[in-house]
């Protein structure tokens, strides 16, 4: 892919993927190292705002650099998750647009709790196993000043936004990764900001909408047909990876149905699933989380993981996969997403 300007900040690299359209790419060091982006056209728009105010401020600085000191009129959050919406306070003067389910979903995430987990650190004896797991994933972030900013507009239908002579389409595709997924599509530029509907090169998981997620990816492939996809995590990609992620989910669903029975537990079922075609993705052990959600949903149980139990399950899966696939699982450089 050929890009325009690159604005390098300490935490984020902003890559111009089309005229005035910038993808904000993070190195991938854990579950909250997300991407975002902005459009310097018309009144300006930001898509997602990262996990903390420090990352969000870098995007505001980059936007000001290319817009001669301007501020975006709009913020669109791809979904409710903290790593995509907790920088909103930096842009609170903008019109913030979210899916109508985002405010409800965000109640599963607690800013004060996450802040205390980060400050205690990954080795704290005061923390539970789940808290130590999150602390390791959150290293490099600081939640000072973070607060949930209520949206100005909540949507349940597709909308169009005019940025000067540029048309931006916001598509409600929930539930897929979450119950509040919004895609941003630029038809003229053929650029799609996908949020966590696309994870490039990392094992993604769905909270509830795995079956519909496949339909959303089919829509991207067959109807939207972008040339450039900015994923919620990982490197900028094209349709080839979207197809690969669709195939991963189809394989997961097929294998789940093949091996499921009423007595099996989530970990045992996960170990039955063949992921040999996807060993070049990082963190393949995260397969367990989606299997656990699918199994609980099938049995009519609350689907969200019990996070204090998850670290041990992931370590078990990691050891199992290393034994099963040996050296087929490749080491991965988290900075590689910057090497565009």
C-alpha atoms as a PDB file:
ATOM      1  CA  UNK A   1       0.000   0.000   0.000  1.00  0.00           C
ATOM      2  CA  UNK A   2       1.149   3.553  -0.741  1.00  0.00           C
ATOM      3  CA  UNK A   3       0.573   6.179   1.913  1.00  0.00           C
ATOM      4  CA  UNK A   4       0.872   9.936   2.177  1.00  0.00           C
ATOM      5  CA  UNK A   5       2.127  11.799   5.222  1.00  0.00           C
ATOM      6  CA  UNK A   6       3.224  10.020   8.397  1.00  0.00           C
ATOM      7  CA  UNK A   7       3.028  11.842  11.724  1.00  0.00           C
ATOM      8  CA  UNK A   8       5.094  10.057  14.352  1.00  0.00           C
ATOM      9  CA  UNK A   9       4.191  10.597  17.989  1.00  0.00           C
ATOM     10  CA  UNK A  10       5.681   8.812  21.026  1.00  0.00           C
ATOM     11  CA  UNK A  11       2.695   6.497  21.435  1.00  0.00           C
ATOM     12  CA  UNK A  12       0.898   6.511  18.069  1.00  0.00           C
ATOM     13  CA  UNK A  13       1.842   6.683  14.397  1.00  0.00           C
ATOM     14  CA  UNK A  14      -0.635   8.536  12.168  1.00  0.00           C
ATOM     15  CA  UNK A  15      -0.550   7.323   8.574  1.00  0.00           C
ATOM     16  CA  UNK A  16      -2.349   9.153   5.754  1.00  0.00           C
ATOM     17  CA  UNK A  17      -4.214   6.367   3.950  1.00  0.00           C
ATOM     18  CA  UNK A  18      -6.103   8.765   1.623  1.00  0.00           C
ATOM     19  CA  UNK A  19      -6.079  12.525   1.145  1.00  0.00           C
ATOM     20  CA  UNK A  20      -6.774  14.007   4.582  1.00  0.00           C
ATOM     21  CA  UNK A  21      -7.641  10.595   6.071  1.00  0.00           C
ATOM     22  CA  UNK A  22      -5.333   9.325   8.829  1.00  0.00           C
ATOM     23  CA  UNK A  23      -5.147   5.963  10.562  1.00  0.00           C
ATOM     24  CA  UNK A  24      -3.781   6.153  14.117  1.00  0.00           C
ATOM     25  CA  UNK A  25      -1.831   2.905  14.592  1.00  0.00           C
ATOM     26  CA  UNK A  26      -0.591   1.626  17.965  1.00  0.00           C
ATOM     27  CA  UNK A  27       2.118  -0.972  18.546  1.00  0.00           C
ATOM     28  CA  UNK A  28       0.285  -4.085  19.693  1.00  0.00           C
ATOM     29  CA  UNK A  29       1.366  -4.912  23.247  1.00  0.00           C
ATOM     30  CA  UNK A  30      -1.889  -6.183  24.733  1.00  0.00           C
ATOM     31  CA  UNK A  31      -5.650  -6.114  24.618  1.00  0.00           C
ATOM     32  CA  UNK A  32      -5.977  -2.329  24.975  1.00  0.00           C
ATOM     33  CA  UNK A  33      -3.425  -1.259  22.364  1.00  0.00           C
ATOM     34  CA  UNK A  34      -6.046  -0.147  19.872  1.00  0.00           C
ATOM     35  CA  UNK A  35      -6.098   1.891  16.685  1.00  0.00           C
ATOM     36  CA  UNK A  36      -8.142   5.002  15.864  1.00  0.00           C
ATOM     37  CA  UNK A  37      -8.130   7.668  13.141  1.00  0.00           C
ATOM     38  CA  UNK A  38      -9.313  11.041  11.944  1.00  0.00           C
ATOM     39  CA  UNK A  39     -10.590  12.761   8.816  1.00  0.00           C
ATOM     40  CA  UNK A  40      -9.395  16.284   8.023  1.00  0.00           C
ATOM     41  CA  UNK A  41     -12.196  17.225   5.660  1.00  0.00           C
ATOM     42  CA  UNK A  42     -14.996  19.721   6.143  1.00  0.00           C
ATOM     43  CA  UNK A  43     -15.608  20.191   9.855  1.00  0.00           C
ATOM     44  CA  UNK A  44     -13.457  17.172  10.720  1.00  0.00           C
ATOM     45  CA  UNK A  45     -14.162  13.840  12.388  1.00  0.00           C
ATOM     46  CA  UNK A  46     -12.372  11.495  14.793  1.00  0.00           C
ATOM     47  CA  UNK A  47     -13.073   7.747  14.865  1.00  0.00           C
ATOM     48  CA  UNK A  48     -12.270   6.298  18.283  1.00  0.00           C
ATOM     49  CA  UNK A  49     -10.106   7.936  20.937  1.00  0.00           C
ATOM     50  CA  UNK A  50      -7.866   5.240  22.465  1.00  0.00           C
ATOM     51  CA  UNK A  51      -7.688   4.047  26.092  1.00  0.00           C
ATOM     52  CA  UNK A  52      -6.327   7.103  27.894  1.00  0.00           C
ATOM     53  CA  UNK A  53      -6.064  10.874  27.559  1.00  0.00           C
ATOM     54  CA  UNK A  54      -2.351  10.768  26.722  1.00  0.00           C
ATOM     55  CA  UNK A  55      -2.936   8.785  23.530  1.00  0.00           C
ATOM     56  CA  UNK A  56      -6.000  10.883  22.677  1.00  0.00           C
ATOM     57  CA  UNK A  57      -4.018  14.110  23.080  1.00  0.00           C
ATOM     58  CA  UNK A  58      -1.490  12.864  20.537  1.00  0.00           C
ATOM     59  CA  UNK A  59      -4.345  12.469  18.056  1.00  0.00           C
ATOM     60  CA  UNK A  60      -5.631  15.942  18.830  1.00  0.00           C
ATOM     61  CA  UNK A  61      -2.120  17.309  18.246  1.00  0.00           C
ATOM     62  CA  UNK A  62      -1.869  15.463  14.927  1.00  0.00           C
ATOM     63  CA  UNK A  63      -5.293  16.742  13.867  1.00  0.00           C
ATOM     64  CA  UNK A  64      -4.273  20.302  14.721  1.00  0.00           C
ATOM     65  CA  UNK A  65      -1.058  19.931  12.720  1.00  0.00           C
ATOM     66  CA  UNK A  66      -2.842  18.995   9.503  1.00  0.00           C
ATOM     67  CA  UNK A  67      -5.860  21.301   9.994  1.00  0.00           C
ATOM     68  CA  UNK A  68      -3.977  24.489  10.874  1.00  0.00           C
ATOM     69  CA  UNK A  69      -5.071  24.416  14.490  1.00  0.00           C
ATOM     70  CA  UNK A  70      -8.596  23.158  13.956  1.00  0.00           C
ATOM     71  CA  UNK A  71     -10.705  20.858  16.111  1.00  0.00           C
ATOM     72  CA  UNK A  72     -12.932  18.036  14.836  1.00  0.00           C
ATOM     73  CA  UNK A  73     -16.692  18.621  14.916  1.00  0.00           C
ATOM     74  CA  UNK A  74     -17.519  14.929  15.353  1.00  0.00           C
ATOM     75  CA  UNK A  75     -16.328  11.887  17.267  1.00  0.00           C
ATOM     76  CA  UNK A  76     -17.668   8.456  16.298  1.00  0.00           C
ATOM     77  CA  UNK A  77     -16.933   5.571  18.658  1.00  0.00           C
ATOM     78  CA  UNK A  78     -16.715   2.163  16.993  1.00  0.00           C
ATOM     79  CA  UNK A  79     -18.158   0.563  20.162  1.00  0.00           C
ATOM     80  CA  UNK A  80     -18.193   0.987  23.925  1.00  0.00           C
ATOM     81  CA  UNK A  81     -14.906  -0.698  24.917  1.00  0.00           C
ATOM     82  CA  UNK A  82     -12.528   1.382  27.014  1.00  0.00           C
ATOM     83  CA  UNK A  83      -9.657   1.204  24.527  1.00  0.00           C
ATOM     84  CA  UNK A  84     -11.837   2.904  21.909  1.00  0.00           C
ATOM     85  CA  UNK A  85     -13.787   5.466  23.921  1.00  0.00           C
ATOM     86  CA  UNK A  86     -11.992   6.500  27.101  1.00  0.00           C
ATOM     87  CA  UNK A  87     -10.080   9.290  25.343  1.00  0.00           C
ATOM     88  CA  UNK A  88     -13.346  11.054  24.491  1.00  0.00           C
ATOM     89  CA  UNK A  89     -12.817  13.721  27.154  1.00  0.00           C
ATOM     90  CA  UNK A  90     -10.049  15.227  25.004  1.00  0.00           C
ATOM     91  CA  UNK A  91     -12.694  15.852  22.333  1.00  0.00           C
ATOM     92  CA  UNK A  92     -15.674  16.624  24.589  1.00  0.00           C
ATOM     93  CA  UNK A  93     -16.409  19.840  22.657  1.00  0.00           C
ATOM     94  CA  UNK A  94     -17.194  17.715  19.598  1.00  0.00           C
ATOM     95  CA  UNK A  95     -20.509  16.012  18.850  1.00  0.00           C
ATOM     96  CA  UNK A  96     -19.939  12.479  20.141  1.00  0.00           C
ATOM     97  CA  UNK A  97     -21.838   9.732  18.319  1.00  0.00           C
ATOM     98  CA  UNK A  98     -22.267   6.199  19.656  1.00  0.00           C
ATOM     99  CA  UNK A  99     -24.508   3.209  19.144  1.00  0.00           C
ATOM    100  CA  UNK A 100     -27.572   3.307  21.380  1.00  0.00           C
ATOM    101  CA  UNK A 101     -26.324   0.247  23.312  1.00  0.00           C
ATOM    102  CA  UNK A 102     -22.874   1.681  24.117  1.00  0.00           C
ATOM    103  CA  UNK A 103     -23.830   3.474  27.332  1.00  0.00           C
ATOM    104  CA  UNK A 104     -25.473   0.317  28.673  1.00  0.00           C
ATOM    105  CA  UNK A 105     -22.566  -1.912  27.711  1.00  0.00           C
ATOM    106  CA  UNK A 106     -19.967   0.403  29.225  1.00  0.00           C
ATOM    107  CA  UNK A 107     -21.354  -0.385  32.702  1.00  0.00           C
ATOM    108  CA  UNK A 108     -19.339  -3.632  32.521  1.00  0.00           C
ATOM    109  CA  UNK A 109     -16.134  -1.525  32.648  1.00  0.00           C
ATOM    110  CA  UNK A 110     -15.117   0.440  35.746  1.00  0.00           C
ATOM    111  CA  UNK A 111     -12.608   3.283  35.385  1.00  0.00           C
ATOM    112  CA  UNK A 112     -11.657   3.453  39.077  1.00  0.00           C
ATOM    113  CA  UNK A 113     -11.095  -0.309  39.214  1.00  0.00           C
ATOM    114  CA  UNK A 114      -8.946  -0.343  36.075  1.00  0.00           C
ATOM    115  CA  UNK A 115      -6.947   2.639  37.326  1.00  0.00           C
ATOM    116  CA  UNK A 116      -6.210   0.877  40.630  1.00  0.00           C
ATOM    117  CA  UNK A 117      -5.260  -2.330  38.785  1.00  0.00           C
ATOM    118  CA  UNK A 118      -2.749  -0.415  36.641  1.00  0.00           C
ATOM    119  CA  UNK A 119      -1.263   1.404  39.628  1.00  0.00           C
ATOM    120  CA  UNK A 120      -0.839  -1.804  41.651  1.00  0.00           C
ATOM    121  CA  UNK A 121       0.947  -3.443  38.725  1.00  0.00           C
ATOM    122  CA  UNK A 122       1.157  -6.933  37.287  1.00  0.00           C
ATOM    123  CA  UNK A 123       3.106  -8.398  40.232  1.00  0.00           C
ATOM    124  CA  UNK A 124       0.963  -7.055  43.062  1.00  0.00           C
ATOM    125  CA  UNK A 125       0.160  -9.561  45.798  1.00  0.00           C
ATOM    126  CA  UNK A 126      -2.894  -7.438  46.617  1.00  0.00           C
ATOM    127  CA  UNK A 127      -4.432  -8.221  43.217  1.00  0.00           C
ATOM    128  CA  UNK A 128      -6.418 -11.238  42.075  1.00  0.00           C
ATOM    129  CA  UNK A 129      -5.129 -13.379  39.169  1.00  0.00           C
ATOM    130  CA  UNK A 130      -7.549 -11.580  36.862  1.00  0.00           C
ATOM    131  CA  UNK A 131      -6.327  -8.178  38.039  1.00  0.00           C
ATOM    132  CA  UNK A 132      -2.687  -9.137  37.536  1.00  0.00           C
ATOM    133  CA  UNK A 133      -3.574 -10.339  34.018  1.00  0.00           C
ATOM    134  CA  UNK A 134      -5.169  -7.004  33.171  1.00  0.00           C
ATOM    135  CA  UNK A 135      -2.329  -5.032  34.767  1.00  0.00           C
ATOM    136  CA  UNK A 136       0.134  -6.770  32.437  1.00  0.00           C
ATOM    137  CA  UNK A 137      -2.076  -6.045  29.431  1.00  0.00           C
ATOM    138  CA  UNK A 138      -2.479  -2.389  30.490  1.00  0.00           C
ATOM    139  CA  UNK A 139       1.217  -1.588  30.997  1.00  0.00           C
ATOM    140  CA  UNK A 140       2.031   1.686  29.264  1.00  0.00           C
ATOM    141  CA  UNK A 141      -1.299   3.368  29.986  1.00  0.00           C
ATOM    142  CA  UNK A 142      -2.260   5.962  32.587  1.00  0.00           C
ATOM    143  CA  UNK A 143      -5.934   6.593  33.303  1.00  0.00           C
ATOM    144  CA  UNK A 144      -5.387   9.937  35.034  1.00  0.00           C
ATOM    145  CA  UNK A 145      -8.313  12.231  34.212  1.00  0.00           C
ATOM    146  CA  UNK A 146     -10.313   9.587  32.336  1.00  0.00           C
ATOM    147  CA  UNK A 147     -14.085   9.729  32.720  1.00  0.00           C
ATOM    148  CA  UNK A 148     -16.952   8.385  30.681  1.00  0.00           C
ATOM    149  CA  UNK A 149     -18.317  11.078  28.350  1.00  0.00           C
ATOM    150  CA  UNK A 150     -21.952  10.607  27.448  1.00  0.00           C
ATOM    151  CA  UNK A 151     -22.729  10.693  23.720  1.00  0.00           C
ATOM    152  CA  UNK A 152     -24.538  13.667  22.223  1.00  0.00           C
ATOM    153  CA  UNK A 153     -26.209  11.385  19.691  1.00  0.00           C
ATOM    154  CA  UNK A 154     -27.101   7.706  20.075  1.00  0.00           C
ATOM    155  CA  UNK A 155     -27.987   5.847  16.887  1.00  0.00           C
ATOM    156  CA  UNK A 156     -29.615   2.564  16.021  1.00  0.00           C
ATOM    157  CA  UNK A 157     -29.800   3.054  12.249  1.00  0.00           C
ATOM    158  CA  UNK A 158     -27.219   3.846   9.574  1.00  0.00           C
ATOM    159  CA  UNK A 159     -26.467   7.556   9.151  1.00  0.00           C
ATOM    160  CA  UNK A 160     -24.546   9.743   6.692  1.00  0.00           C
ATOM    161  CA  UNK A 161     -22.288  12.635   7.699  1.00  0.00           C
ATOM    162  CA  UNK A 162     -21.152  15.345   5.283  1.00  0.00           C
ATOM    163  CA  UNK A 163     -17.631  16.637   5.784  1.00  0.00           C
ATOM    164  CA  UNK A 164     -17.491  19.376   3.167  1.00  0.00           C
ATOM    165  CA  UNK A 165     -17.866  17.564  -0.145  1.00  0.00           C
ATOM    166  CA  UNK A 166     -16.946  14.204   1.430  1.00  0.00           C
ATOM    167  CA  UNK A 167     -19.597  11.682   2.396  1.00  0.00           C
ATOM    168  CA  UNK A 168     -19.027   9.430   5.396  1.00  0.00           C
ATOM    169  CA  UNK A 169     -21.316   6.465   6.079  1.00  0.00           C
ATOM    170  CA  UNK A 170     -21.821   5.131   9.615  1.00  0.00           C
ATOM    171  CA  UNK A 171     -23.156   1.568   9.589  1.00  0.00           C
ATOM    172  CA  UNK A 172     -24.725  -0.156  12.583  1.00  0.00           C
ATOM    173  CA  UNK A 173     -23.504  -3.763  12.363  1.00  0.00           C
ATOM    174  CA  UNK A 174     -24.137  -4.891  15.940  1.00  0.00           C
ATOM    175  CA  UNK A 175     -23.985  -7.416  17.387  1.00  0.00           C
ATOM    176  CA  UNK A 176     -20.611  -8.575  16.089  1.00  0.00           C
ATOM    177  CA  UNK A 177     -17.642  -8.011  18.382  1.00  0.00           C
ATOM    178  CA  UNK A 178     -20.030  -6.201  20.749  1.00  0.00           C
ATOM    179  CA  UNK A 179     -23.623  -4.966  20.929  1.00  0.00           C
ATOM    180  CA  UNK A 180     -22.563  -1.471  19.822  1.00  0.00           C
ATOM    181  CA  UNK A 181     -20.417  -1.892  16.688  1.00  0.00           C
ATOM    182  CA  UNK A 182     -20.341   0.993  14.184  1.00  0.00           C
ATOM    183  CA  UNK A 183     -18.325   0.918  10.959  1.00  0.00           C
ATOM    184  CA  UNK A 184     -17.190   4.115   9.214  1.00  0.00           C
ATOM    185  CA  UNK A 185     -17.103   3.845   5.424  1.00  0.00           C
ATOM    186  CA  UNK A 186     -15.760   6.434   2.966  1.00  0.00           C
ATOM    187  CA  UNK A 187     -17.103   5.322  -0.437  1.00  0.00           C
ATOM    188  CA  UNK A 188     -15.115   7.767  -2.569  1.00  0.00           C
ATOM    189  CA  UNK A 189     -11.822   6.988  -0.842  1.00  0.00           C
ATOM    190  CA  UNK A 190     -12.703   3.286  -0.422  1.00  0.00           C
ATOM    191  CA  UNK A 191     -11.439   3.415   3.175  1.00  0.00           C
ATOM    192  CA  UNK A 192     -13.162   1.466   5.952  1.00  0.00           C
ATOM    193  CA  UNK A 193     -12.575   2.135   9.653  1.00  0.00           C
ATOM    194  CA  UNK A 194     -13.723  -1.167  11.152  1.00  0.00           C
ATOM    195  CA  UNK A 195     -13.130  -0.933  14.893  1.00  0.00           C
ATOM    196  CA  UNK A 196     -12.974  -4.351  16.518  1.00  0.00           C
ATOM    197  CA  UNK A 197     -15.037  -5.936  13.766  1.00  0.00           C
ATOM    198  CA  UNK A 198     -11.549  -6.533  12.291  1.00  0.00           C
ATOM    199  CA  UNK A 199      -8.498  -7.580  14.349  1.00  0.00           C
ATOM    200  CA  UNK A 200      -5.525  -7.899  11.987  1.00  0.00           C
ATOM    201  CA  UNK A 201      -3.318 -10.801  12.940  1.00  0.00           C
ATOM    202  CA  UNK A 202      -4.616 -11.295  16.466  1.00  0.00           C
ATOM    203  CA  UNK A 203      -7.124 -13.823  17.721  1.00  0.00           C
ATOM    204  CA  UNK A 204     -10.295 -11.787  18.187  1.00  0.00           C
ATOM    205  CA  UNK A 205     -13.241 -12.675  20.364  1.00  0.00           C
ATOM    206  CA  UNK A 206     -16.921 -11.826  20.330  1.00  0.00           C
ATOM    207  CA  UNK A 207     -18.914 -11.038  23.423  1.00  0.00           C
ATOM    208  CA  UNK A 208     -22.182 -12.328  21.979  1.00  0.00           C
ATOM    209  CA  UNK A 209     -22.497 -11.913  18.233  1.00  0.00           C
ATOM    210  CA  UNK A 210     -20.179 -14.500  16.644  1.00  0.00           C
ATOM    211  CA  UNK A 211     -22.797 -15.782  14.175  1.00  0.00           C
ATOM    212  CA  UNK A 212     -23.788 -12.287  13.065  1.00  0.00           C
ATOM    213  CA  UNK A 213     -20.129 -11.266  12.927  1.00  0.00           C
ATOM    214  CA  UNK A 214     -19.647 -13.623   9.990  1.00  0.00           C
ATOM    215  CA  UNK A 215     -22.524 -11.883   8.182  1.00  0.00           C
ATOM    216  CA  UNK A 216     -20.914  -8.498   8.845  1.00  0.00           C
ATOM    217  CA  UNK A 217     -17.613  -9.670   7.380  1.00  0.00           C
ATOM    218  CA  UNK A 218     -19.508 -11.058   4.369  1.00  0.00           C
ATOM    219  CA  UNK A 219     -21.083  -7.629   3.922  1.00  0.00           C
ATOM    220  CA  UNK A 220     -17.661  -5.971   3.991  1.00  0.00           C
ATOM    221  CA  UNK A 221     -16.317  -8.457   1.450  1.00  0.00           C
ATOM    222  CA  UNK A 222     -19.282  -8.641  -0.941  1.00  0.00           C
ATOM    223  CA  UNK A 223     -21.003  -5.260  -0.609  1.00  0.00           C
ATOM    224  CA  UNK A 224     -18.719  -2.577   0.833  1.00  0.00           C
ATOM    225  CA  UNK A 225     -15.512  -3.799  -0.878  1.00  0.00           C
ATOM    226  CA  UNK A 226     -12.964  -1.431   0.689  1.00  0.00           C
ATOM    227  CA  UNK A 227      -9.447  -1.110  -0.651  1.00  0.00           C
ATOM    228  CA  UNK A 228      -8.037  -0.050   2.719  1.00  0.00           C
ATOM    229  CA  UNK A 229      -9.224  -1.360   6.089  1.00  0.00           C
ATOM    230  CA  UNK A 230      -8.153   0.249   9.357  1.00  0.00           C
ATOM    231  CA  UNK A 231      -8.704  -2.486  11.973  1.00  0.00           C
ATOM    232  CA  UNK A 232      -9.379  -1.970  15.650  1.00  0.00           C
ATOM    233  CA  UNK A 233      -6.052  -3.685  16.404  1.00  0.00           C
ATOM    234  CA  UNK A 234      -3.041  -4.555  14.267  1.00  0.00           C
ATOM    235  CA  UNK A 235      -1.729  -3.300  10.956  1.00  0.00           C
ATOM    236  CA  UNK A 236      -3.655  -1.602   8.160  1.00  0.00           C
ATOM    237  CA  UNK A 237      -4.916  -4.257   5.770  1.00  0.00           C
ATOM    238  CA  UNK A 238      -7.162  -4.990   2.803  1.00  0.00           C
ATOM    239  CA  UNK A 239      -9.918  -7.435   1.989  1.00  0.00           C
ATOM    240  CA  UNK A 240      -7.608 -10.445   2.048  1.00  0.00           C
ATOM    241  CA  UNK A 241      -7.338 -10.285   5.805  1.00  0.00           C
ATOM    242  CA  UNK A 242     -11.075  -9.641   6.210  1.00  0.00           C
ATOM    243  CA  UNK A 243     -11.642 -12.886   4.302  1.00  0.00           C
ATOM    244  CA  UNK A 244      -9.137 -14.648   6.537  1.00  0.00           C
ATOM    245  CA  UNK A 245     -10.907 -13.467   9.670  1.00  0.00           C
ATOM    246  CA  UNK A 246     -14.245 -14.574   8.226  1.00  0.00           C
ATOM    247  CA  UNK A 247     -12.741 -18.009   7.529  1.00  0.00           C
ATOM    248  CA  UNK A 248     -11.399 -18.171  11.093  1.00  0.00           C
ATOM    249  CA  UNK A 249     -14.842 -17.539  12.564  1.00  0.00           C
ATOM    250  CA  UNK A 250     -16.495 -20.035  10.207  1.00  0.00           C
ATOM    251  CA  UNK A 251     -13.886 -22.628  11.194  1.00  0.00           C
ATOM    252  CA  UNK A 252     -14.456 -21.867  14.873  1.00  0.00           C
ATOM    253  CA  UNK A 253     -18.238 -22.238  14.593  1.00  0.00           C
ATOM    254  CA  UNK A 254     -17.921 -25.474  12.600  1.00  0.00           C
ATOM    255  CA  UNK A 255     -15.414 -26.980  15.040  1.00  0.00           C
ATOM    256  CA  UNK A 256     -17.477 -25.874  18.040  1.00  0.00           C
ATOM    257  CA  UNK A 257     -20.571 -27.600  16.686  1.00  0.00           C
ATOM    258  CA  UNK A 258     -18.569 -30.683  15.758  1.00  0.00           C
ATOM    259  CA  UNK A 259     -17.114 -31.213  19.231  1.00  0.00           C
ATOM    260  CA  UNK A 260     -19.821 -29.826  21.507  1.00  0.00           C
ATOM    261  CA  UNK A 261     -21.768 -32.049  23.887  1.00  0.00           C
ATOM    262  CA  UNK A 262     -23.845 -31.316  26.971  1.00  0.00           C
ATOM    263  CA  UNK A 263     -21.161 -32.503  29.396  1.00  0.00           C
ATOM    264  CA  UNK A 264     -18.053 -30.878  27.948  1.00  0.00           C
ATOM    265  CA  UNK A 265     -16.457 -27.840  29.617  1.00  0.00           C
ATOM    266  CA  UNK A 266     -15.099 -24.794  27.769  1.00  0.00           C
ATOM    267  CA  UNK A 267     -11.402 -25.624  28.140  1.00  0.00           C
ATOM    268  CA  UNK A 268     -11.802 -29.227  26.985  1.00  0.00           C
ATOM    269  CA  UNK A 269     -13.842 -28.111  24.001  1.00  0.00           C
ATOM    270  CA  UNK A 270     -11.303 -25.442  23.064  1.00  0.00           C
ATOM    271  CA  UNK A 271      -8.569 -28.085  22.974  1.00  0.00           C
ATOM    272  CA  UNK A 272     -10.576 -30.060  20.412  1.00  0.00           C
ATOM    273  CA  UNK A 273     -10.683 -27.188  17.887  1.00  0.00           C
ATOM    274  CA  UNK A 274      -8.289 -27.289  14.955  1.00  0.00           C
ATOM    275  CA  UNK A 275      -6.709 -23.869  14.318  1.00  0.00           C
ATOM    276  CA  UNK A 276      -3.741 -25.127  12.294  1.00  0.00           C
ATOM    277  CA  UNK A 277      -4.547 -22.673   9.454  1.00  0.00           C
ATOM    278  CA  UNK A 278      -4.265 -19.677  11.782  1.00  0.00           C
ATOM    279  CA  UNK A 279      -1.061 -20.257  13.719  1.00  0.00           C
ATOM    280  CA  UNK A 280       0.509 -17.099  12.238  1.00  0.00           C
ATOM    281  CA  UNK A 281      -1.914 -15.050  14.365  1.00  0.00           C
ATOM    282  CA  UNK A 282      -0.676 -13.955  17.757  1.00  0.00           C
ATOM    283  CA  UNK A 283      -2.220 -15.137  21.025  1.00  0.00           C
ATOM    284  CA  UNK A 284      -3.998 -18.196  19.587  1.00  0.00           C
ATOM    285  CA  UNK A 285      -4.877 -19.217  23.148  1.00  0.00           C
ATOM    286  CA  UNK A 286      -7.501 -16.443  23.189  1.00  0.00           C
ATOM    287  CA  UNK A 287      -9.650 -18.894  21.251  1.00  0.00           C
ATOM    288  CA  UNK A 288     -10.724 -20.095  24.698  1.00  0.00           C
ATOM    289  CA  UNK A 289     -12.598 -16.860  25.458  1.00  0.00           C
ATOM    290  CA  UNK A 290     -14.872 -17.119  22.417  1.00  0.00           C
ATOM    291  CA  UNK A 291     -15.483 -20.843  22.978  1.00  0.00           C
ATOM    292  CA  UNK A 292     -16.404 -20.126  26.602  1.00  0.00           C
ATOM    293  CA  UNK A 293     -18.853 -17.417  25.494  1.00  0.00           C
ATOM    294  CA  UNK A 294     -20.405 -19.663  22.817  1.00  0.00           C
ATOM    295  CA  UNK A 295     -20.772 -22.557  25.249  1.00  0.00           C
ATOM    296  CA  UNK A 296     -22.412 -20.431  27.929  1.00  0.00           C
ATOM    297  CA  UNK A 297     -24.761 -18.828  25.405  1.00  0.00           C
ATOM    298  CA  UNK A 298     -25.770 -22.253  24.101  1.00  0.00           C
ATOM    299  CA  UNK A 299     -26.600 -23.343  27.648  1.00  0.00           C
ATOM    300  CA  UNK A 300     -28.514 -20.174  28.491  1.00  0.00           C
ATOM    301  CA  UNK A 301     -25.893 -18.893  30.949  1.00  0.00           C
ATOM    302  CA  UNK A 302     -24.509 -15.326  31.224  1.00  0.00           C
ATOM    303  CA  UNK A 303     -21.926 -15.242  28.429  1.00  0.00           C
ATOM    304  CA  UNK A 304     -19.279 -12.862  29.767  1.00  0.00           C
ATOM    305  CA  UNK A 305     -16.061 -14.543  30.982  1.00  0.00           C
ATOM    306  CA  UNK A 306     -15.232 -14.855  34.676  1.00  0.00           C
ATOM    307  CA  UNK A 307     -12.022 -12.876  34.378  1.00  0.00           C
ATOM    308  CA  UNK A 308     -10.389 -14.166  37.556  1.00  0.00           C
ATOM    309  CA  UNK A 309     -10.501 -17.645  36.002  1.00  0.00           C
ATOM    310  CA  UNK A 310      -9.369 -16.621  32.517  1.00  0.00           C
ATOM    311  CA  UNK A 311      -5.572 -16.171  33.086  1.00  0.00           C
ATOM    312  CA  UNK A 312      -5.106 -19.773  34.251  1.00  0.00           C
ATOM    313  CA  UNK A 313      -7.216 -21.055  31.341  1.00  0.00           C
ATOM    314  CA  UNK A 314      -5.178 -19.015  28.853  1.00  0.00           C
ATOM    315  CA  UNK A 315      -1.904 -20.291  30.294  1.00  0.00           C
ATOM    316  CA  UNK A 316      -3.234 -23.850  30.080  1.00  0.00           C
ATOM    317  CA  UNK A 317      -4.257 -23.286  26.441  1.00  0.00           C
ATOM    318  CA  UNK A 318      -0.926 -21.670  25.609  1.00  0.00           C
ATOM    319  CA  UNK A 319       0.988 -24.677  26.921  1.00  0.00           C
ATOM    320  CA  UNK A 320      -1.389 -27.090  25.194  1.00  0.00           C
ATOM    321  CA  UNK A 321      -1.091 -25.330  21.821  1.00  0.00           C
ATOM    322  CA  UNK A 322       2.701 -25.132  22.114  1.00  0.00           C
ATOM    323  CA  UNK A 323       2.787 -28.907  22.619  1.00  0.00           C
ATOM    324  CA  UNK A 324       0.251 -29.650  19.897  1.00  0.00           C
ATOM    325  CA  UNK A 325       1.690 -27.391  17.196  1.00  0.00           C
ATOM    326  CA  UNK A 326       5.316 -27.151  18.367  1.00  0.00           C
ATOM    327  CA  UNK A 327       7.326 -24.599  16.363  1.00  0.00           C
ATOM    328  CA  UNK A 328       4.454 -23.819  13.993  1.00  0.00           C
ATOM    329  CA  UNK A 329       3.441 -20.944  16.290  1.00  0.00           C
ATOM    330  CA  UNK A 330       5.623 -18.051  15.176  1.00  0.00           C
ATOM    331  CA  UNK A 331       7.175 -15.371  17.419  1.00  0.00           C
ATOM    332  CA  UNK A 332       5.813 -11.911  16.729  1.00  0.00           C
ATOM    333  CA  UNK A 333       7.232  -8.400  17.084  1.00  0.00           C
ATOM    334  CA  UNK A 334       4.611  -6.028  18.576  1.00  0.00           C
ATOM    335  CA  UNK A 335       6.280  -3.100  16.803  1.00  0.00           C
ATOM    336  CA  UNK A 336       5.748  -4.671  13.382  1.00  0.00           C
ATOM    337  CA  UNK A 337       2.467  -2.811  12.911  1.00  0.00           C
ATOM    338  CA  UNK A 338       4.509   0.413  12.796  1.00  0.00           C
ATOM    339  CA  UNK A 339       6.766  -0.890  10.058  1.00  0.00           C
ATOM    340  CA  UNK A 340       4.517   0.155   7.183  1.00  0.00           C
END
